[in-house]
Amino acid sequence: MRRDHLQVLLVDDDEDDLVNIRALLGEIPNSKYKLVWKSSYEDGLQALRGGHYDACLLDYRLGEMTGLDLLRKAHHEGLTCPIILLTGHGDFDLDIQAMQTGAADYLVKAQITPPLLERSIRYSMKRALDTQELSEQKENFRILFNSTFEGILVHRQGKISSVNTPAGEIFGCSPNEMVGTALSRFIRDDTDAILNNSQNANVRSEGIGIKKDGSEIYLGLSSRMVGLQGESVSLLAVQDLTQSKQMEAQILQQDRLASLGLLASSLAHEIGTPLGVIRGRAEQVSKSADEKLKSTMETIISQIDRIAKLVTSLLQIARGQQSTSSVAVNFNSALQDVLNLMSHELERNGIELKILVGDDILVKAEPGPLGQVILNLLVNSVYAIEEARKAGRTSGHRITVQTKDLQDQIEFSIADTGCGISEKNLRNLFKPFFTTKDIGLGTGLGLATSYKLIDSWGGSIRVESVEDEGATFTVTLSKKV
């Protein structure tokens, strides 16, 4: 701590005090002091702002202002020079105020001796140096804490006490918004086994996160207990796995589509010849003079053609080919064809059908596959209503088909009052071979095929559902004019 020519600032409006302090500093052995005197609050503050002083001796009395006022101002501006408050009379309350305001020391002028003054300056300089190092370490920790590759949350019994910047970015809000809130606000309760880990071992798992806007993300979680100042807290590292999960899903989807391609190829080969024979016989029978029989055969022929087109579309989808045969399709006609097929099923199940569809709607699609999409959605609605009836809701069931004009697009929805879809199943709904139906009642290809068909036409499909209340599937397609 020994240095020559230490820079000391004296802020005091009494010139006699200047003489006394200079004399005391001159009697200190082994050190030399350069004393700079300022006689007013304003000059003293300006000197602290612009100078590089090892210590400041500050008188309590400064005209209308006080040394405490200057001390507060210096600390508010982040000035780091250690300040020793001087006063003419000992005052315990003033001593406490000086300490609380940030004074490095407090001296009574009449009691100052050269050794006491030297010791006070030396200790004040050391304390200031330690404070600076601590501040630098704190800033370094803050930078490191906010520069990790993963989010970090510290919580005490489920209440967040500290959050770094990456965690805030993962959850779509600032760290300050998260501090003081319950951990369950951002992480699902089904991860309690990890969050309540009472061991020191690092527990890893995956969970569902909830962003500020309410959207969900996949999370990788690592949790362990750590001791902070004698208290056990939980340190939780968080990684956003949404993108990697989506990539995994795409890879799985490709694998399933490859299987779908093999199935479609087999179907095309195995049922192509029988369908041709059936169609040929149906054409022969359709030449009969019986008009009713002729109409029935024409329906059979149209459905055979639909199956053939569907298999072709299935092959295109499985091979990742975009549809090149999408044309202007009359939605009303496609819907009516499906309703003609489904009318008996709807009547048999006592389901009210409500149609709210505009006139002559033309969309970009394929005639046969569009009918298949509508059929898949209606069949699923009927099944959902049957399941709701099994659960005890036996009356008031209906299916509503509705269209909405969106300028360049047409949106049609099929809503039912069935059993609804659980949140877990909603995430898997359009994956090939995923089904909630019993074995023999569903293959898990209907919605997956519909999704790929709609996507190949440049459209989209979404679903909204409340479990035990019903579901609404909404398809958006480009308008054809």
Protein backbone atom coordinates (compact mmCIF):
# COMPACT_ATOMS: atom_id res chain seq x y z
CA MET A 1 0.00 0.00 0.00
CA ARG A 2 2.99 2.36 0.36
CA ARG A 3 3.23 4.84 -2.50
CA ASP A 4 4.96 8.18 -2.98
CA HIS A 5 3.03 11.33 -3.72
CA LEU A 6 -0.46 10.09 -2.97
CA GLN A 7 -3.11 12.41 -4.43
CA VAL A 8 -5.49 13.64 -1.70
CA LEU A 9 -8.43 15.95 -2.32
CA LEU A 10 -9.66 18.16 0.52
CA VAL A 11 -13.15 19.65 0.16
CA ASP A 12 -13.57 22.18 2.99
CA ASP A 13 -14.75 25.81 3.09
CA ASP A 14 -12.44 26.70 6.05
CA GLU A 15 -8.88 27.63 5.10
CA ASP A 16 -7.70 26.96 8.67
CA ASP A 17 -8.65 23.30 8.19
CA LEU A 18 -6.54 23.28 5.02
CA VAL A 19 -3.51 24.41 7.03
CA ASN A 20 -4.12 21.79 9.75
CA ILE A 21 -4.64 18.91 7.32
CA ARG A 22 -1.55 19.85 5.29
CA ALA A 23 0.48 19.89 8.53
CA LEU A 24 -0.85 16.49 9.61
CA LEU A 25 -0.04 14.96 6.23
CA GLY A 26 3.45 16.43 6.39
CA GLU A 27 4.12 14.61 9.67
CA ILE A 28 3.33 11.18 8.27
CA PRO A 29 6.59 9.27 7.76
CA ASN A 30 7.52 7.19 4.70
CA SER A 31 4.85 8.74 2.48
CA LYS A 32 4.42 11.98 0.58
CA TYR A 33 1.06 13.52 -0.12
CA LYS A 34 0.01 16.01 -2.72
CA LEU A 35 -2.97 17.88 -1.30
CA VAL A 36 -5.49 19.57 -3.60
CA TRP A 37 -7.96 21.97 -1.94
CA LYS A 38 -11.48 22.84 -3.09
CA SER A 39 -13.57 25.17 -0.95
CA SER A 40 -17.14 24.58 -2.24
CA TYR A 41 -19.61 21.79 -2.96
CA GLU A 42 -19.59 22.53 -6.70
CA ASP A 43 -15.80 22.70 -7.04
CA GLY A 44 -15.36 19.57 -4.94
CA LEU A 45 -17.83 17.58 -7.08
CA GLN A 46 -16.17 18.80 -10.27
CA ALA A 47 -12.75 17.77 -8.93
CA LEU A 48 -14.02 14.29 -8.07
CA ARG A 49 -15.49 13.94 -11.55
CA GLY A 50 -12.32 14.92 -13.38
CA GLY A 51 -9.42 14.00 -11.12
CA HIS A 52 -7.69 10.77 -10.16
CA TYR A 53 -7.37 10.97 -6.40
CA ASP A 54 -6.29 8.24 -4.01
CA ALA A 55 -8.58 9.63 -1.29
CA CYS A 56 -10.89 12.53 -0.54
CA LEU A 57 -11.21 14.32 2.83
CA LEU A 58 -14.71 15.83 2.89
CA ASP A 59 -15.93 18.36 5.47
CA TYR A 60 -19.49 17.91 6.68
CA ARG A 61 -20.21 21.67 6.57
CA LEU A 62 -20.18 23.13 3.03
CA GLY A 63 -22.34 26.22 3.20
CA GLU A 64 -25.91 25.46 2.18
CA MET A 65 -24.96 21.88 1.24
CA THR A 66 -23.43 19.17 3.40
CA GLY A 67 -20.74 16.61 2.91
CA LEU A 68 -23.45 13.91 2.97
CA ASP A 69 -25.11 15.61 -0.01
CA LEU A 70 -21.85 15.51 -1.93
CA LEU A 71 -21.25 11.91 -0.84
CA ARG A 72 -24.67 10.83 -2.13
CA LYS A 73 -24.11 12.62 -5.42
CA ALA A 74 -20.69 11.03 -5.91
CA HIS A 75 -22.03 7.53 -5.31
CA HIS A 76 -25.05 8.19 -7.53
CA GLU A 77 -22.68 9.10 -10.38
CA GLY A 78 -20.51 6.04 -9.75
CA LEU A 79 -17.41 7.97 -8.63
CA THR A 80 -15.06 5.48 -6.99
CA CYS A 81 -12.65 7.71 -5.02
CA PRO A 82 -12.77 6.68 -1.31
CA ILE A 83 -14.27 9.55 0.73
CA ILE A 84 -13.52 10.19 4.41
CA LEU A 85 -16.06 12.44 6.11
CA LEU A 86 -14.70 15.06 8.52
CA THR A 87 -16.74 16.83 11.20
CA GLY A 88 -16.06 19.31 13.97
CA HIS A 89 -17.97 17.40 16.65
CA GLY A 90 -18.48 13.69 17.27
CA ASP A 91 -22.02 12.57 16.42
CA PHE A 92 -22.95 8.89 16.50
CA ASP A 93 -26.03 9.39 14.29
CA LEU A 94 -23.95 11.26 11.74
CA ASP A 95 -21.36 8.47 11.86
CA ILE A 96 -24.07 5.92 11.01
CA GLN A 97 -25.46 8.12 8.22
CA ALA A 98 -21.96 8.49 6.76
CA MET A 99 -21.46 4.73 6.78
CA GLN A 100 -24.87 4.07 5.20
CA THR A 101 -24.26 6.72 2.54
CA GLY A 102 -20.98 5.09 1.53
CA ALA A 103 -18.25 6.95 3.37
CA ALA A 104 -14.99 5.01 3.65
CA ASP A 105 -14.42 6.41 7.16
CA TYR A 106 -15.56 9.10 9.62
CA LEU A 107 -13.15 11.33 11.56
CA VAL A 108 -13.63 14.07 14.16
CA LYS A 109 -11.25 16.94 13.32
CA ALA A 110 -10.14 17.57 16.90
CA GLN A 111 -9.15 13.92 17.32
CA ILE A 112 -7.12 13.54 14.10
CA THR A 113 -3.44 12.65 14.52
CA PRO A 114 -0.93 11.88 11.77
CA PRO A 115 -1.02 8.09 12.47
CA LEU A 116 -4.83 8.08 12.58
CA LEU A 117 -5.05 10.06 9.34
CA GLU A 118 -2.48 7.81 7.62
CA ARG A 119 -4.30 4.70 8.80
CA SER A 120 -7.67 6.04 7.67
CA ILE A 121 -6.35 6.93 4.21
CA ARG A 122 -4.55 3.57 3.86
CA TYR A 123 -7.58 1.50 4.90
CA SER A 124 -9.90 3.58 2.74
CA MET A 125 -7.70 3.02 -0.30
CA LYS A 126 -7.55 -0.74 0.39
CA ARG A 127 -11.33 -0.92 0.86
CA ALA A 128 -11.85 0.98 -2.39
CA LEU A 129 -9.48 -1.38 -4.21
CA ASP A 130 -11.28 -4.42 -2.81
CA THR A 131 -14.63 -2.92 -3.74
CA GLN A 132 -13.42 -2.29 -7.29
CA GLU A 133 -12.13 -5.86 -7.63
CA LEU A 134 -15.41 -7.20 -6.27
CA SER A 135 -17.34 -5.03 -8.71
CA GLU A 136 -15.19 -6.29 -11.59
CA GLN A 137 -15.70 -9.90 -10.51
CA LYS A 138 -19.44 -9.30 -10.25
CA GLU A 139 -19.49 -7.78 -13.74
CA ASN A 140 -17.42 -10.68 -15.11
CA PHE A 141 -19.84 -13.14 -13.52
CA ARG A 142 -22.79 -11.22 -14.98
CA ILE A 143 -21.24 -11.36 -18.47
CA LEU A 144 -20.47 -15.08 -18.17
CA PHE A 145 -23.91 -15.85 -16.68
CA ASN A 146 -25.59 -14.12 -19.60
CA SER A 147 -23.26 -15.54 -22.27
CA THR A 148 -23.86 -19.26 -21.77
CA PHE A 149 -25.17 -21.43 -24.60
CA GLU A 150 -28.19 -22.47 -22.56
CA GLY A 151 -30.73 -20.82 -20.31
CA ILE A 152 -30.12 -20.89 -16.56
CA LEU A 153 -32.78 -20.41 -13.90
CA VAL A 154 -32.24 -20.43 -10.15
CA HIS A 155 -35.31 -21.18 -8.07
CA ARG A 156 -36.13 -21.62 -4.43
CA GLN A 157 -38.99 -24.07 -3.85
CA GLY A 158 -40.47 -23.36 -7.28
CA LYS A 159 -40.10 -19.56 -7.19
CA ILE A 160 -37.62 -18.09 -9.67
CA SER A 161 -34.93 -15.94 -8.07
CA SER A 162 -32.46 -15.46 -10.92
CA VAL A 163 -32.56 -15.82 -14.71
CA ASN A 164 -29.94 -15.28 -17.40
CA THR A 165 -30.48 -13.63 -20.79
CA PRO A 166 -30.57 -16.87 -22.87
CA ALA A 167 -33.37 -18.21 -20.64
CA GLY A 168 -35.34 -15.03 -21.23
CA GLU A 169 -34.84 -15.43 -24.98
CA ILE A 170 -36.04 -19.04 -24.83
CA PHE A 171 -39.27 -18.04 -23.09
CA GLY A 172 -39.75 -14.85 -25.10
CA CYS A 173 -39.50 -12.32 -22.27
CA SER A 174 -36.94 -10.35 -20.28
CA PRO A 175 -35.23 -12.00 -17.29
CA ASN A 176 -36.71 -9.32 -15.00
CA GLU A 177 -40.23 -10.44 -15.99
CA MET A 178 -39.43 -13.98 -14.89
CA VAL A 179 -37.82 -13.22 -11.52
CA GLY A 180 -40.29 -13.63 -8.66
CA THR A 181 -42.75 -15.73 -10.65
CA ALA A 182 -43.60 -19.40 -10.17
CA LEU A 183 -41.54 -21.85 -12.19
CA SER A 184 -44.75 -23.62 -13.22
CA ARG A 185 -45.67 -20.48 -15.22
CA PHE A 186 -42.95 -21.39 -17.72
CA ILE A 187 -42.48 -25.14 -17.28
CA ARG A 188 -45.21 -27.76 -17.18
CA ASP A 189 -46.09 -29.32 -13.82
CA ASP A 190 -45.32 -32.80 -15.20
CA THR A 191 -41.61 -31.99 -14.70
CA ASP A 192 -41.99 -31.80 -10.92
CA ALA A 193 -39.82 -34.90 -10.44
CA ILE A 194 -36.89 -32.97 -11.90
CA LEU A 195 -37.61 -29.60 -10.37
CA ASN A 196 -38.00 -31.03 -6.87
CA ASN A 197 -34.77 -33.01 -7.05
CA SER A 198 -33.33 -33.07 -3.55
CA GLN A 199 -30.08 -34.79 -4.50
CA ASN A 200 -26.83 -33.29 -5.71
CA ALA A 201 -26.86 -35.53 -8.78
CA ASN A 202 -27.48 -33.89 -12.15
CA VAL A 203 -30.95 -34.98 -13.31
CA ARG A 204 -31.65 -34.71 -17.03
CA SER A 205 -34.98 -34.92 -18.76
CA GLU A 206 -37.22 -33.30 -21.33
CA GLY A 207 -40.34 -31.26 -20.79
CA ILE A 208 -42.73 -28.75 -22.27
CA GLY A 209 -42.07 -25.03 -21.85
CA ILE A 210 -44.64 -22.26 -22.05
CA LYS A 211 -43.50 -19.00 -23.66
CA LYS A 212 -44.78 -15.56 -22.71
CA ASP A 213 -47.25 -15.63 -25.63
CA GLY A 214 -48.63 -18.99 -24.47
CA SER A 215 -47.03 -21.09 -27.21
CA GLU A 216 -45.33 -24.34 -26.27
CA ILE A 217 -41.75 -25.42 -26.87
CA TYR A 218 -39.80 -28.62 -26.26
CA LEU A 219 -37.16 -28.25 -23.54
CA GLY A 220 -34.08 -30.15 -22.48
CA LEU A 221 -33.74 -29.82 -18.69
CA SER A 222 -30.80 -30.39 -16.35
CA SER A 223 -31.39 -29.82 -12.65
CA ARG A 224 -29.29 -30.07 -9.53
CA MET A 225 -29.19 -28.65 -6.02
CA VAL A 226 -26.46 -26.18 -5.10
CA GLY A 227 -25.61 -24.34 -1.89
CA LEU A 228 -25.68 -20.53 -1.92
CA GLN A 229 -24.76 -18.77 1.32
CA GLY A 230 -25.81 -21.77 3.38
CA GLU A 231 -29.14 -22.18 1.55
CA SER A 232 -30.01 -24.97 -0.88
CA VAL A 233 -31.37 -23.73 -4.19
CA SER A 234 -32.14 -25.52 -7.44
CA LEU A 235 -30.11 -24.71 -10.54
CA LEU A 236 -31.98 -25.49 -13.74
CA ALA A 237 -30.30 -25.45 -17.15
CA VAL A 238 -32.73 -25.14 -20.07
CA GLN A 239 -32.24 -25.84 -23.77
CA ASP A 240 -34.76 -25.19 -26.54
CA LEU A 241 -35.14 -28.51 -28.35
CA THR A 242 -38.00 -27.38 -30.58
CA GLN A 243 -35.93 -27.20 -33.75
CA SER A 244 -34.18 -30.53 -33.15
CA LYS A 245 -37.52 -32.15 -32.32
CA GLN A 246 -38.95 -30.81 -35.56
CA MET A 247 -35.99 -32.23 -37.46
CA GLU A 248 -36.49 -35.59 -35.75
CA ALA A 249 -40.16 -35.45 -36.67
CA GLN A 250 -39.27 -34.68 -40.29
CA ILE A 251 -36.87 -37.61 -40.42
CA LEU A 252 -39.52 -39.87 -38.90
CA GLN A 253 -42.05 -38.47 -41.36
CA GLN A 254 -39.72 -39.29 -44.25
CA ASP A 255 -39.26 -42.83 -42.95
CA ARG A 256 -42.99 -43.24 -42.65
CA LEU A 257 -43.55 -41.79 -46.10
CA ALA A 258 -41.04 -44.27 -47.48
CA SER A 259 -43.16 -47.02 -45.94
CA LEU A 260 -46.22 -45.30 -47.33
CA GLY A 261 -44.61 -45.29 -50.78
CA LEU A 262 -44.03 -49.04 -50.60
CA LEU A 263 -47.62 -49.52 -49.52
CA ALA A 264 -48.92 -47.27 -52.30
CA SER A 265 -46.80 -49.08 -54.88
CA SER A 266 -48.16 -52.41 -53.68
CA LEU A 267 -51.71 -51.06 -53.75
CA ALA A 268 -51.29 -49.72 -57.25
CA HIS A 269 -50.05 -53.10 -58.42
CA GLU A 270 -52.36 -55.35 -56.43
CA ILE A 271 -55.66 -53.51 -56.81
CA GLY A 272 -55.08 -51.96 -60.22
CA THR A 273 -56.07 -55.09 -62.16
CA PRO A 274 -59.14 -55.97 -60.01
CA LEU A 275 -60.33 -52.38 -60.23
CA GLY A 276 -59.99 -52.48 -64.01
CA VAL A 277 -62.08 -55.65 -64.17
CA ILE A 278 -64.75 -54.19 -61.85
CA ARG A 279 -64.87 -51.00 -63.88
CA GLY A 280 -65.22 -52.89 -67.13
CA ARG A 281 -68.10 -54.96 -65.80
CA ALA A 282 -69.73 -51.88 -64.35
CA GLU A 283 -69.54 -50.17 -67.74
CA GLN A 284 -71.23 -53.18 -69.36
CA VAL A 285 -74.03 -53.19 -66.81
CA SER A 286 -74.44 -49.42 -67.15
CA LYS A 287 -75.55 -49.97 -70.75
CA SER A 288 -78.64 -51.68 -69.39
CA ALA A 289 -81.99 -50.09 -70.07
CA ASP A 290 -82.74 -50.02 -66.32
CA GLU A 291 -82.17 -46.37 -65.42
CA LYS A 292 -81.86 -47.05 -61.71
CA LEU A 293 -79.27 -49.75 -62.30
CA LYS A 294 -77.48 -47.55 -64.80
CA SER A 295 -77.24 -44.73 -62.23
CA THR A 296 -75.87 -47.14 -59.63
CA MET A 297 -73.19 -48.41 -62.02
CA GLU A 298 -72.14 -44.86 -62.89
CA THR A 299 -71.67 -44.18 -59.17
CA ILE A 300 -69.53 -47.31 -58.87
CA ILE A 301 -67.42 -46.26 -61.86
CA SER A 302 -66.87 -42.77 -60.44
CA GLN A 303 -65.75 -44.24 -57.11
CA ILE A 304 -63.37 -46.64 -58.86
CA ASP A 305 -61.86 -43.68 -60.70
CA ARG A 306 -61.57 -41.86 -57.38
CA ILE A 307 -59.66 -44.78 -55.86
CA ALA A 308 -57.32 -44.88 -58.85
CA LYS A 309 -56.62 -41.13 -58.59
CA LEU A 310 -56.10 -41.40 -54.85
CA VAL A 311 -53.52 -44.16 -55.26
CA THR A 312 -51.74 -42.00 -57.87
CA SER A 313 -51.74 -39.02 -55.51
CA LEU A 314 -50.50 -41.25 -52.70
CA LEU A 315 -47.56 -42.32 -54.83
CA GLN A 316 -46.74 -38.69 -55.64
CA ILE A 317 -46.85 -37.71 -51.98
CA ALA A 318 -44.74 -40.65 -50.83
CA ARG A 319 -42.12 -39.72 -53.42
CA GLY A 320 -42.15 -36.10 -52.28
CA GLN A 321 -43.58 -34.86 -55.56
CA GLN A 322 -45.60 -31.65 -55.68
CA SER A 323 -48.94 -32.04 -57.38
CA THR A 324 -48.81 -30.90 -61.01
CA SER A 325 -52.39 -31.79 -61.78
CA SER A 326 -54.17 -29.33 -59.49
CA VAL A 327 -56.93 -27.54 -61.37
CA ALA A 328 -60.00 -25.45 -60.67
CA VAL A 329 -62.31 -27.73 -58.69
CA ASN A 330 -65.89 -26.92 -57.76
CA PHE A 331 -65.94 -27.36 -54.00
CA ASN A 332 -69.73 -27.52 -53.92
CA SER A 333 -69.77 -30.47 -56.34
CA ALA A 334 -67.03 -32.32 -54.44
CA LEU A 335 -68.90 -31.79 -51.17
CA GLN A 336 -72.22 -32.93 -52.64
CA ASP A 337 -70.65 -36.11 -54.02
CA VAL A 338 -69.33 -36.95 -50.56
CA LEU A 339 -72.63 -36.12 -48.87
CA ASN A 340 -74.43 -38.45 -51.29
CA LEU A 341 -72.12 -41.23 -50.08
CA MET A 342 -72.41 -40.27 -46.41
CA SER A 343 -76.13 -39.45 -46.22
CA HIS A 344 -77.13 -42.94 -45.12
CA GLU A 345 -74.42 -43.04 -42.45
CA LEU A 346 -75.44 -39.66 -41.08
CA GLU A 347 -79.13 -40.59 -40.97
CA ARG A 348 -78.39 -43.95 -39.36
CA ASN A 349 -76.44 -42.24 -36.57
CA GLY A 350 -79.01 -39.48 -36.09
CA ILE A 351 -76.46 -36.71 -36.73
CA GLU A 352 -77.75 -33.31 -37.76
CA LEU A 353 -75.88 -31.91 -40.77
CA LYS A 354 -75.61 -28.12 -41.08
CA ILE A 355 -74.31 -26.73 -44.39
CA LEU A 356 -73.21 -23.08 -44.55
CA VAL A 357 -71.48 -23.00 -47.92
CA GLY A 358 -71.37 -20.29 -50.59
CA ASP A 359 -72.34 -20.84 -54.22
CA ASP A 360 -70.00 -22.13 -56.94
CA ILE A 361 -66.75 -22.05 -54.98
CA LEU A 362 -63.72 -22.88 -57.13
CA VAL A 363 -60.48 -23.93 -55.43
CA LYS A 364 -57.07 -25.14 -56.55
CA ALA A 365 -57.05 -28.90 -55.96
CA GLU A 366 -57.68 -32.27 -57.63
CA PRO A 367 -61.29 -33.41 -58.03
CA GLY A 368 -60.97 -36.96 -56.66
CA PRO A 369 -58.46 -36.30 -53.88
CA LEU A 370 -60.40 -33.20 -52.69
CA GLY A 371 -63.45 -35.42 -52.24
CA GLN A 372 -61.27 -37.89 -50.36
CA VAL A 373 -60.09 -35.13 -48.00
CA ILE A 374 -63.67 -34.08 -47.27
CA LEU A 375 -64.69 -37.72 -46.83
CA ASN A 376 -61.83 -38.38 -44.38
CA LEU A 377 -62.81 -35.40 -42.25
CA LEU A 378 -66.52 -36.31 -42.22
CA VAL A 379 -65.80 -39.96 -41.39
CA ASN A 380 -63.60 -38.84 -38.47
CA SER A 381 -66.37 -36.52 -37.24
CA VAL A 382 -68.90 -39.37 -37.29
CA TYR A 383 -66.47 -41.59 -35.37
CA ALA A 384 -65.84 -38.81 -32.79
CA ILE A 385 -69.58 -38.39 -32.22
CA GLU A 386 -69.98 -42.16 -31.77
CA GLU A 387 -67.24 -42.06 -29.11
CA ALA A 388 -68.98 -39.14 -27.37
CA ARG A 389 -72.20 -41.15 -27.27
CA LYS A 390 -70.37 -44.09 -25.71
CA ALA A 391 -69.14 -41.68 -23.02
CA GLY A 392 -72.71 -40.61 -22.19
CA ARG A 393 -73.43 -37.58 -24.43
CA THR A 394 -76.20 -39.15 -26.47
CA SER A 395 -78.11 -36.17 -27.90
CA GLY A 396 -77.66 -32.83 -29.64
CA HIS A 397 -74.94 -33.99 -32.02
CA ARG A 398 -74.29 -32.26 -35.31
CA ILE A 399 -71.66 -31.70 -37.98
CA THR A 400 -71.28 -28.22 -39.47
CA VAL A 401 -69.65 -27.61 -42.85
CA GLN A 402 -68.90 -23.95 -43.44
CA THR A 403 -66.93 -21.86 -45.94
CA LYS A 404 -65.35 -18.43 -45.63
CA ASP A 405 -64.09 -16.18 -48.44
CA LEU A 406 -60.58 -14.81 -47.71
CA GLN A 407 -60.06 -12.77 -50.91
CA ASP A 408 -57.42 -14.92 -52.65
CA GLN A 409 -58.24 -18.01 -50.60
CA ILE A 410 -61.19 -20.11 -49.54
CA GLU A 411 -61.40 -21.54 -46.04
CA PHE A 412 -63.71 -24.44 -45.32
CA SER A 413 -64.21 -26.02 -41.93
CA ILE A 414 -65.85 -29.19 -40.66
CA ALA A 415 -66.86 -28.97 -36.99
CA ASP A 416 -68.38 -31.70 -34.85
CA THR A 417 -69.71 -32.14 -31.32
CA GLY A 418 -67.78 -35.36 -30.76
CA CYS A 419 -65.32 -36.51 -28.12
CA GLY A 420 -62.65 -33.97 -29.03
CA ILE A 421 -58.91 -34.55 -29.19
CA SER A 422 -56.49 -34.53 -26.27
CA GLU A 423 -53.61 -32.05 -26.25
CA LYS A 424 -51.12 -34.90 -26.50
CA ASN A 425 -52.82 -36.42 -29.56
CA LEU A 426 -53.09 -33.03 -31.28
CA ARG A 427 -49.30 -32.96 -31.64
CA ASN A 428 -49.29 -36.29 -33.49
CA LEU A 429 -52.51 -35.97 -35.42
CA PHE A 430 -51.12 -35.64 -38.96
CA LYS A 431 -48.30 -38.17 -38.60
CA PRO A 432 -48.57 -41.25 -40.84
CA PHE A 433 -49.89 -44.36 -39.07
CA PHE A 434 -50.90 -42.45 -35.94
CA THR A 435 -54.45 -43.35 -34.90
CA THR A 436 -56.54 -43.39 -31.74
CA LYS A 437 -58.97 -45.90 -33.20
CA ASP A 438 -59.03 -49.55 -32.21
CA ILE A 439 -57.17 -52.10 -34.32
CA GLY A 440 -59.14 -52.77 -37.48
CA LEU A 441 -61.00 -49.46 -37.36
CA GLY A 442 -58.25 -47.14 -38.58
CA THR A 443 -54.85 -47.19 -40.30
CA GLY A 444 -53.62 -43.74 -39.33
CA LEU A 445 -53.29 -42.75 -42.99
CA GLY A 446 -56.46 -40.68 -43.49
CA LEU A 447 -55.35 -37.40 -41.92
CA ALA A 448 -51.70 -37.87 -42.94
CA THR A 449 -52.74 -38.36 -46.55
CA SER A 450 -55.14 -35.42 -46.37
CA TYR A 451 -52.40 -33.22 -44.93
CA LYS A 452 -49.96 -34.09 -47.71
CA LEU A 453 -52.60 -33.66 -50.42
CA ILE A 454 -53.57 -30.22 -49.15
CA ASP A 455 -49.92 -29.24 -48.82
CA SER A 456 -49.24 -30.39 -52.40
CA TRP A 457 -51.95 -27.96 -53.57
CA GLY A 458 -50.28 -25.11 -51.68
CA GLY A 459 -52.92 -25.11 -48.94
CA SER A 460 -52.93 -25.72 -45.21
CA ILE A 461 -54.98 -27.54 -42.57
CA ARG A 462 -55.30 -26.85 -38.87
CA VAL A 463 -57.35 -28.24 -36.02
CA GLU A 464 -58.86 -26.75 -32.87
CA SER A 465 -60.35 -28.97 -30.23
CA VAL A 466 -61.66 -29.04 -26.69
CA GLU A 467 -61.64 -32.51 -25.20
CA ASP A 468 -65.15 -33.86 -24.53
CA GLU A 469 -66.70 -30.97 -26.50
CA GLY A 470 -65.72 -31.43 -30.14
CA ALA A 471 -63.21 -30.52 -32.84
CA THR A 472 -63.00 -28.22 -35.87
CA PHE A 473 -60.78 -28.97 -38.87
CA THR A 474 -60.14 -25.94 -41.09
CA VAL A 475 -58.68 -26.24 -44.60
CA THR A 476 -57.38 -23.22 -46.51
CA LEU A 477 -56.98 -23.49 -50.30
CA SER A 478 -56.11 -21.01 -53.03
CA LYS A 479 -59.06 -19.62 -54.94
CA LYS A 480 -59.36 -20.47 -58.63
CA VAL A 481 -61.08 -17.90 -60.84
